[in-house]
Protein backbone atom coordinates (compact mmCIF):
# COMPACT_ATOMS: atom_id res chain seq x y z
CA MET A 1 -26.27 23.00 -8.23
CA ASN A 2 -23.79 20.61 -9.51
CA ASN A 3 -22.19 18.33 -7.11
CA LYS A 4 -19.25 16.49 -9.13
CA ILE A 5 -15.86 16.60 -9.84
CA GLN A 6 -14.52 15.62 -12.71
CA ASN A 7 -12.43 15.86 -15.62
CA PRO A 8 -13.53 16.03 -19.33
CA LYS A 9 -13.72 12.28 -19.85
CA THR A 10 -11.13 10.75 -22.60
CA GLN A 11 -13.33 8.85 -24.87
CA VAL A 12 -12.27 5.28 -25.23
CA GLU A 13 -13.72 2.61 -28.00
CA GLU A 14 -16.84 0.63 -26.66
CA THR A 15 -16.74 -2.69 -28.01
CA ILE A 16 -17.07 -6.54 -25.95
CA GLU A 17 -13.65 -6.21 -25.10
CA MET A 18 -11.65 -4.25 -22.29
CA ASN A 19 -10.30 -1.02 -23.48
CA ASP A 20 -8.39 1.35 -21.32
CA GLU A 21 -10.75 2.73 -19.04
CA ASN A 22 -11.90 -0.84 -18.05
CA TYR A 23 -8.15 -1.84 -17.15
CA LEU A 24 -7.31 0.50 -15.39
CA ASN A 25 -10.59 0.80 -13.16
CA ASP A 26 -9.83 -2.74 -12.83
CA MET A 27 -6.29 -2.11 -11.60
CA LEU A 28 -7.69 0.51 -8.89
CA GLU A 29 -10.07 -1.72 -8.01
CA THR A 30 -7.28 -4.64 -7.10
CA GLU A 31 -4.95 -2.28 -6.15
CA LYS A 32 -7.97 -1.16 -3.45
CA ASN A 33 -8.44 -4.73 -2.16
CA MET A 34 -4.68 -5.80 -1.85
CA SER A 35 -4.29 -2.88 0.84
CA VAL A 36 -7.42 -3.95 2.53
CA ASN A 37 -6.03 -7.55 3.00
CA MET A 38 -3.08 -6.38 3.57
CA THR A 39 -4.39 -4.29 6.62
CA TYR A 40 -5.34 -6.76 8.07
CA ALA A 41 -1.73 -9.03 7.29
CA LEU A 42 -0.35 -6.02 9.11
CA ASN A 43 -2.98 -6.61 12.23
CA GLU A 44 -1.77 -9.95 12.65
CA ALA A 45 1.64 -9.92 12.14
CA SER A 46 2.98 -11.41 15.13
CA ASN A 47 6.94 -10.59 13.32
CA GLU A 48 8.06 -7.55 13.44
CA ASN A 49 10.68 -8.66 10.82
CA LEU A 50 7.30 -10.10 8.93
CA PHE A 51 5.65 -6.89 9.73
CA ASP A 52 8.37 -4.78 8.81
CA GLU A 53 8.13 -6.60 4.90
CA ILE A 54 4.40 -6.34 4.97
CA TYR A 55 4.23 -2.90 5.58
CA GLU A 56 6.91 -1.84 3.55
CA MET A 57 5.05 -3.82 0.73
CA PHE A 58 1.64 -2.16 1.57
CA ASN A 59 3.28 1.18 1.37
CA MET A 60 3.93 0.56 -2.33
CA VAL A 61 0.59 -0.58 -2.80
CA LYS A 62 -1.20 2.32 -1.80
CA GLU A 63 1.55 4.66 -3.85
CA SER A 64 0.42 2.43 -6.98
CA GLN A 65 -3.58 2.97 -6.02
CA ARG A 66 -2.70 6.82 -5.51
CA THR A 67 -1.10 6.78 -9.25
CA LEU A 68 -4.57 5.00 -10.55
CA PHE A 69 -6.34 7.50 -9.34
CA GLU A 70 -4.98 9.81 -10.59
CA LEU A 71 -4.70 8.48 -13.55
CA ALA A 72 -8.06 7.93 -13.90
CA PHE A 73 -9.35 11.14 -12.73
CA LYS A 74 -7.13 13.20 -14.75
CA LYS A 75 -8.68 11.14 -18.14
CA GLY A 76 -12.44 12.04 -16.32
CA TRP A 77 -12.78 8.19 -15.83
CA TYR A 78 -12.70 9.16 -11.80
CA CYS A 79 -15.76 11.53 -10.82
CA LEU A 80 -15.21 12.86 -6.96
CA GLU A 81 -18.98 14.04 -5.34
CA LYS A 82 -18.64 17.65 -3.47
CA ALA A 83 -19.08 17.84 -0.16
CA GLU A 84 -22.12 19.94 1.01
CA GLU A 85 -20.53 22.01 3.39
CA ASN A 86 -23.33 21.74 6.84
CA LYS A 87 -22.00 18.01 6.17
CA ILE A 88 -18.95 18.91 6.67
CA ILE A 89 -19.24 20.66 9.71
CA GLU A 90 -21.80 17.81 11.05
CA GLU A 91 -18.76 14.93 10.53
CA TYR A 92 -16.23 17.39 12.12
CA ASN A 93 -18.33 18.11 14.72
CA LYS A 94 -19.05 14.38 15.85
CA LEU A 95 -15.07 13.60 15.57
CA THR A 96 -14.59 16.33 17.80
CA LYS A 97 -16.41 15.07 20.72
CA SER A 98 -15.65 11.63 20.37
CA ILE A 99 -12.15 12.80 20.50
CA GLU A 100 -12.76 15.12 23.62
CA GLN A 101 -14.45 11.85 25.22
CA LEU A 102 -10.99 9.83 24.53
CA LYS A 103 -9.40 12.54 27.02
C-alpha cells in the first residue's frame, strides 16, 4: 500500500548551485522558523500595541509559508504521508479524553 501523497515531481537541473527546488525549500524552512520565533515573541509581548504589530506580521508569515508549501506540493517537491485510520482514531480518542478531563 502506498502511503505517499505527492504530485508528479517537476524536474530541475541537478548542479552544485542551488536550483528552484532548493530555493523554494529554503524559503519554506525560513518561513516556518520565523513563525516559531514570532510565536515566542507573541507569548512574551507585554504591550498590547506591540502584540498587535507582531500578530499582524505573524499572520503575513503564515500566509507566505502556506503559499510556499502549496507551490512546493504542486511541483511535487513536498510529499505527505497518509495516516492510517486506526492512528487517526487513536489520536482523536486521546484528544477527546483530554478535553473531557478539562471540563
